[in-house]
C-alpha cells in the first residue's frame, strides 16, 4: 500500500503524549498512513487551525466554533473536565468579584479555559483585564507580579500548591454545578474536510485505536508520557493522564456531545462566539 503522510498536531503534554503513544512508536497498524507529529501549545494549534494548516490537530472546543467550516470532529480524543478543570489561582483566595478586578494571566484567548472564564465572569474578553502568557509560564508571571491571578491548564492544575498559590475557583467544578453534572468540554481532535470521507473514517479509526492501545498498555504509555511531564513524578503524571484520557476520550457519548452544545450555546447567547456550530463528527 502506498504510504501517505499526514500532519498531526498536539500539545507537548503528558495526556496528549499518552494518547498518541501507539502512533509515535508504531504499535498499531496505520493502513499505509504515516503521521508527522507537530508538537505546539494549544493556543498555537488553535491559531493554525483557523488557517487550515494542519491535517489533523488537537484544538480547544472554543476554537471549534471558529473552524467548524474547515474541520470535522473525530469521535475520539476528547479532553473533558469531569468535575475538575482550569483553575483560577492567586497568592490568596479571591472572590469572583475580586478576581474580576485583577489582572489575569491566561494561556490564550481561543482556549476553552478562557471561554469558561468569560462565562464565569459574565464578561467579554475586552472587559477582562488579561495578559496572554504561555501556559507553562503563568506561575512565573504571577510570581513576578505581571498578573495577580493565573488561569491554569494542563499539569499546573496538580502542581499549583507547590507554587504557594490558592485556588479561587475550579471552573470544571463550577460548570458541573451549573449544568446538571455535565463535564466541561475542553479539547478534541479534528481532521480537515479537504480529505475525502473514506480517509477521514480511516483516520478516526486509527486515532481511536491509538487511545485504546494506551489505555490497555498503561504502564508503557505512561513511561512515554513522562518525557513531557514538567515537574511531575510518575505517580502525579499517571494521575494527570487519568484525568484527561479516559472513557470520555474513547467516545464523547451523548452526555459529552450535549456538554459541547451547551458550552457553545451559552457562549453564543453571551456574544462570546460568532455562531453555534452543528457538531459534525466523523462516523
Protein backbone atom coordinates (compact mmCIF):
# COMPACT_ATOMS: atom_id res chain seq x y z
CA UNK A 1 0.00 0.00 0.00
CA UNK A 2 1.36 3.40 -0.91
CA UNK A 3 2.33 5.46 2.11
CA UNK A 4 0.71 8.83 2.76
CA UNK A 5 1.90 11.30 5.38
CA UNK A 6 -0.46 13.50 7.38
CA UNK A 7 0.43 16.20 9.87
CA UNK A 8 -0.83 15.56 13.40
CA UNK A 9 -0.77 18.50 15.81
CA UNK A 10 -0.95 18.07 19.56
CA UNK A 11 0.36 19.63 22.74
CA UNK A 12 3.70 18.58 24.29
CA UNK A 13 1.90 17.40 27.41
CA UNK A 14 1.57 14.06 29.21
CA UNK A 15 -2.07 13.47 28.26
CA UNK A 16 -1.57 14.07 24.53
CA UNK A 17 1.71 12.12 24.57
CA UNK A 18 -0.12 9.23 26.24
CA UNK A 19 -2.96 9.42 23.72
CA UNK A 20 -0.64 9.22 20.71
CA UNK A 21 1.96 6.85 22.12
CA UNK A 22 0.98 4.00 19.82
CA UNK A 23 1.30 6.21 16.75
CA UNK A 24 4.62 7.67 17.85
CA UNK A 25 6.11 4.20 18.37
CA UNK A 26 4.42 2.20 15.60
CA UNK A 27 2.46 -0.01 17.99
CA UNK A 28 -0.64 -0.26 15.78
CA UNK A 29 -1.40 -0.75 12.10
CA UNK A 30 -1.97 2.53 10.26
CA UNK A 31 -3.20 1.27 6.89
CA UNK A 32 -0.43 2.90 4.88
CA UNK A 33 -0.76 6.24 6.64
CA UNK A 34 2.15 7.95 8.36
CA UNK A 35 1.80 10.73 10.89
CA UNK A 36 4.16 13.66 11.26
CA UNK A 37 3.77 14.77 14.88
CA UNK A 38 3.72 18.57 15.32
CA UNK A 39 4.09 19.49 19.00
CA UNK A 40 2.93 23.00 19.90
CA UNK A 41 0.95 24.66 22.67
CA UNK A 42 -2.81 24.62 22.32
CA UNK A 43 -3.18 28.33 21.58
CA UNK A 44 -0.75 27.97 18.65
CA UNK A 45 -2.62 24.90 17.40
CA UNK A 46 -5.91 26.81 17.63
CA UNK A 47 -4.46 29.66 15.59
CA UNK A 48 -3.04 27.27 12.99
CA UNK A 49 -6.45 25.61 12.70
CA UNK A 50 -8.03 28.94 11.78
CA UNK A 51 -5.67 28.94 8.80
CA UNK A 52 -6.32 25.28 7.97
CA UNK A 53 -2.62 24.44 8.18
CA UNK A 54 -2.66 21.03 9.86
CA UNK A 55 -4.30 17.87 8.54
CA UNK A 56 -5.28 16.54 11.97
CA UNK A 57 -4.96 18.50 15.17
CA UNK A 58 -5.96 18.81 18.77
CA UNK A 59 -7.93 22.01 19.31
CA UNK A 60 -9.88 23.71 22.04
CA UNK A 61 -13.65 23.25 21.89
CA UNK A 62 -13.78 27.06 21.99
CA UNK A 63 -11.74 27.16 18.78
CA UNK A 64 -14.02 24.62 17.08
CA UNK A 65 -16.69 27.32 16.84
CA UNK A 66 -14.29 29.30 14.66
CA UNK A 67 -13.02 26.45 12.44
CA UNK A 68 -16.06 24.17 12.02
CA UNK A 69 -16.33 25.18 8.36
CA UNK A 70 -12.86 23.67 7.76
CA UNK A 71 -12.61 20.79 10.23
CA UNK A 72 -14.76 17.88 11.44
CA UNK A 73 -14.51 16.42 14.94
CA UNK A 74 -13.05 12.97 15.34
CA UNK A 75 -15.21 10.78 17.57
CA UNK A 76 -12.33 10.15 19.99
CA UNK A 77 -9.74 12.36 21.63
CA UNK A 78 -11.93 14.46 23.93
CA UNK A 79 -10.45 16.18 26.97
CA UNK A 80 -13.28 16.61 29.47
CA UNK A 81 -13.13 18.24 32.87
CA UNK A 82 -15.38 15.86 34.78
CA UNK A 83 -15.77 17.81 37.99
CA UNK A 84 -12.38 19.46 37.62
CA UNK A 85 -10.83 21.77 35.08
CA UNK A 86 -8.93 25.01 34.58
CA UNK A 87 -8.09 26.74 37.84
CA UNK A 88 -8.02 30.39 38.80
CA UNK A 89 -5.17 30.74 41.29
CA UNK A 90 -3.69 33.65 43.25
CA UNK A 91 -1.40 34.18 46.23
CA UNK A 92 -4.54 34.27 48.39
CA UNK A 93 -8.15 33.19 47.82
CA UNK A 94 -10.25 35.77 45.98
CA UNK A 95 -13.98 36.02 45.33
CA UNK A 96 -15.43 36.20 41.84
CA UNK A 97 -15.75 39.98 42.02
CA UNK A 98 -12.19 40.27 43.32
CA UNK A 99 -10.85 38.07 40.50
CA UNK A 100 -12.73 40.23 38.02
CA UNK A 101 -10.98 43.32 39.34
CA UNK A 102 -7.49 41.81 38.98
CA UNK A 103 -5.15 41.31 36.02
CA UNK A 104 -5.34 37.67 34.93
CA UNK A 105 -2.62 35.72 33.11
CA UNK A 106 -4.34 33.45 30.59
CA UNK A 107 -2.95 30.73 28.27
CA UNK A 108 -4.68 32.10 25.16
CA UNK A 109 -7.98 33.70 24.26
CA UNK A 110 -9.07 30.81 22.00
CA UNK A 111 -8.70 28.22 24.74
CA UNK A 112 -11.75 26.67 26.33
CA UNK A 113 -10.36 27.79 29.68
CA UNK A 114 -10.66 31.42 28.60
CA UNK A 115 -14.19 30.91 27.29
CA UNK A 116 -15.15 29.33 30.62
CA UNK A 117 -13.60 32.34 32.38
CA UNK A 118 -15.69 34.72 30.26
CA UNK A 119 -18.84 32.76 31.14
CA UNK A 120 -17.93 32.63 34.83
CA UNK A 121 -17.29 36.36 35.00
CA UNK A 122 -20.18 37.22 32.67
CA UNK A 123 -17.88 39.42 30.60
CA UNK A 124 -16.41 39.52 27.13
CA UNK A 125 -12.66 39.48 26.55
CA UNK A 126 -12.45 43.25 26.09
CA UNK A 127 -13.95 43.70 29.55
CA UNK A 128 -11.41 41.42 31.27
CA UNK A 129 -8.02 42.75 32.32
CA UNK A 130 -5.87 39.93 30.99
CA UNK A 131 -2.45 39.20 29.57
CA UNK A 132 -1.70 36.18 27.34
CA UNK A 133 1.20 34.10 28.66
CA UNK A 134 2.43 30.65 27.52
CA UNK A 135 0.63 28.16 29.74
CA UNK A 136 3.85 26.88 31.34
CA UNK A 137 4.93 30.41 32.32
CA UNK A 138 1.77 31.53 34.10
CA UNK A 139 3.07 30.67 37.58
CA UNK A 140 6.17 32.75 36.90
CA UNK A 141 4.04 35.65 35.64
CA UNK A 142 2.07 35.67 38.90
CA UNK A 143 5.26 35.43 40.97
CA UNK A 144 6.78 38.38 39.11
CA UNK A 145 3.66 40.47 39.56
CA UNK A 146 2.93 40.64 35.83
CA UNK A 147 -0.51 39.36 36.79
CA UNK A 148 -2.37 38.95 40.07
CA UNK A 149 -4.35 35.84 39.08
CA UNK A 150 -3.40 32.89 36.86
CA UNK A 151 -5.73 30.79 34.70
CA UNK A 152 -4.08 27.39 34.91
CA UNK A 153 -4.42 24.50 32.46
CA UNK A 154 -2.55 21.22 31.95
CA UNK A 155 -0.44 19.81 34.79
CA UNK A 156 -0.42 23.09 36.69
CA UNK A 157 -3.84 22.01 37.96
CA UNK A 158 -1.99 19.48 40.13
CA UNK A 159 1.15 21.46 40.98
CA UNK A 160 -0.18 24.91 41.92
CA UNK A 161 0.14 24.26 45.66
CA UNK A 162 3.91 23.91 45.27
CA UNK A 163 3.91 27.45 43.94
CA UNK A 164 2.24 28.74 47.08
CA UNK A 165 -0.95 29.63 45.19
CA UNK A 166 -4.52 29.26 46.39
CA UNK A 167 -7.48 28.21 44.26
CA UNK A 168 -10.03 30.95 43.73
CA UNK A 169 -12.26 28.80 41.50
CA UNK A 170 -12.14 25.45 39.75
CA UNK A 171 -14.02 26.18 36.53
CA UNK A 172 -14.73 22.49 35.96
CA UNK A 173 -16.48 22.23 39.32
CA UNK A 174 -18.36 25.45 38.66
CA UNK A 175 -19.53 24.20 35.26
CA UNK A 176 -20.75 20.90 36.70
CA UNK A 177 -22.72 22.67 39.44
CA UNK A 178 -24.40 24.92 36.90
CA UNK A 179 -25.09 22.26 34.26
CA UNK A 180 -26.65 19.18 35.84
CA UNK A 181 -23.36 17.38 36.37
CA UNK A 182 -22.12 17.65 32.77
CA UNK A 183 -18.36 17.67 32.18
CA UNK A 184 -16.66 20.83 30.95
CA UNK A 185 -15.63 20.22 27.30
CA UNK A 186 -12.07 21.43 26.90
CA UNK A 187 -10.49 19.89 23.82
CA UNK A 188 -10.93 17.47 20.96
CA UNK A 189 -9.26 16.17 17.81
CA UNK A 190 -10.30 17.33 14.35
CA UNK A 191 -9.47 16.44 10.75
CA UNK A 192 -9.57 18.80 7.80
CA UNK A 193 -12.56 18.49 5.49
CA UNK A 194 -10.32 18.68 2.42
CA UNK A 195 -9.90 14.91 2.82
CA UNK A 196 -12.42 12.53 1.37
CA UNK A 197 -14.87 10.90 3.81
CA UNK A 198 -13.21 7.48 3.50
CA UNK A 199 -9.83 8.84 4.61
CA UNK A 200 -11.48 10.68 7.48
CA UNK A 201 -13.04 7.42 8.64
CA UNK A 202 -9.70 5.60 8.41
CA UNK A 203 -8.00 8.29 10.48
CA UNK A 204 -10.81 8.24 13.03
CA UNK A 205 -10.36 4.50 13.50
CA UNK A 206 -6.58 4.79 13.83
CA UNK A 207 -6.77 7.58 16.42
CA UNK A 208 -9.33 5.62 18.44
CA UNK A 209 -7.12 2.53 18.30
CA UNK A 210 -4.12 4.56 19.47
CA UNK A 211 -6.03 5.78 22.51
CA UNK A 212 -7.36 2.30 23.24
CA UNK A 213 -3.86 0.82 22.97
CA UNK A 214 -2.50 3.29 25.52
CA UNK A 215 -5.34 2.62 27.94
CA UNK A 216 -4.72 -1.13 27.61
CA UNK A 217 -0.91 -0.76 27.90
CA UNK A 218 -0.96 1.96 30.51
CA UNK A 219 2.45 1.41 32.09
CA UNK A 220 4.47 1.71 28.90
CA UNK A 221 2.34 4.60 27.65
CA UNK A 222 2.85 6.49 30.93
CA UNK A 223 6.61 5.87 30.61
CA UNK A 224 6.43 7.63 27.23
CA UNK A 225 4.26 10.43 28.63
CA UNK A 226 6.77 11.10 31.42
CA UNK A 227 9.09 12.70 28.87
CA UNK A 228 6.60 15.54 28.66
CA UNK A 229 5.74 15.78 32.36
CA UNK A 230 7.11 19.06 33.69
CA UNK A 231 7.78 18.96 37.44
CA UNK A 232 5.85 15.74 37.91
CA UNK A 233 6.95 12.30 39.01
CA UNK A 234 5.39 9.13 37.70
CA UNK A 235 2.54 8.99 40.22
CA UNK A 236 1.40 12.55 39.57
CA UNK A 237 1.80 12.16 35.80
CA UNK A 238 -0.28 8.99 35.87
CA UNK A 239 -2.96 10.81 37.84
CA UNK A 240 -2.97 13.70 35.38
CA UNK A 241 -3.22 11.36 32.40
CA UNK A 242 -6.18 9.63 34.04
CA UNK A 243 -7.97 12.96 34.40
CA UNK A 244 -7.93 13.66 30.66
CA UNK A 245 -7.53 10.30 28.91
CA UNK A 246 -10.42 8.07 29.94
CA UNK A 247 -13.83 6.87 28.76
CA UNK A 248 -14.69 10.36 27.52
CA UNK A 249 -11.59 10.24 25.32
CA UNK A 250 -12.60 6.99 23.66
CA UNK A 251 -16.12 8.23 22.94
CA UNK A 252 -17.83 11.54 23.75
CA UNK A 253 -21.15 9.77 24.18
CA UNK A 254 -24.39 11.73 24.23
CA UNK A 255 -23.58 13.49 27.50
CA UNK A 256 -20.23 14.61 26.13
CA UNK A 257 -21.86 15.95 22.97
CA UNK A 258 -24.55 17.67 25.00
CA UNK A 259 -21.86 19.36 27.08
CA UNK A 260 -20.35 20.84 23.89
CA UNK A 261 -23.75 22.02 22.65
CA UNK A 262 -24.46 23.66 25.99
CA UNK A 263 -20.99 25.22 26.35
CA UNK A 264 -21.01 26.77 22.90
CA UNK A 265 -24.70 27.62 23.08
CA UNK A 266 -24.22 29.61 26.29
CA UNK A 267 -21.16 31.29 24.79
CA UNK A 268 -23.11 32.34 21.71
CA UNK A 269 -26.00 33.73 23.72
CA UNK A 270 -23.48 35.76 25.71
CA UNK A 271 -21.98 37.13 22.48
CA UNK A 272 -18.66 35.36 23.02
CA UNK A 273 -18.53 33.34 19.79
CA UNK A 274 -19.87 34.15 16.32
CA UNK A 275 -22.09 31.09 15.88
CA UNK A 276 -23.23 27.82 17.37
CA UNK A 277 -21.77 25.19 15.07
CA UNK A 278 -23.53 22.00 14.18
CA UNK A 279 -21.44 19.23 15.70
CA UNK A 280 -20.01 17.42 12.69
CA UNK A 281 -18.38 14.18 13.77
CA UNK A 282 -16.57 11.71 11.53
CA UNK A 283 -18.54 8.45 11.71
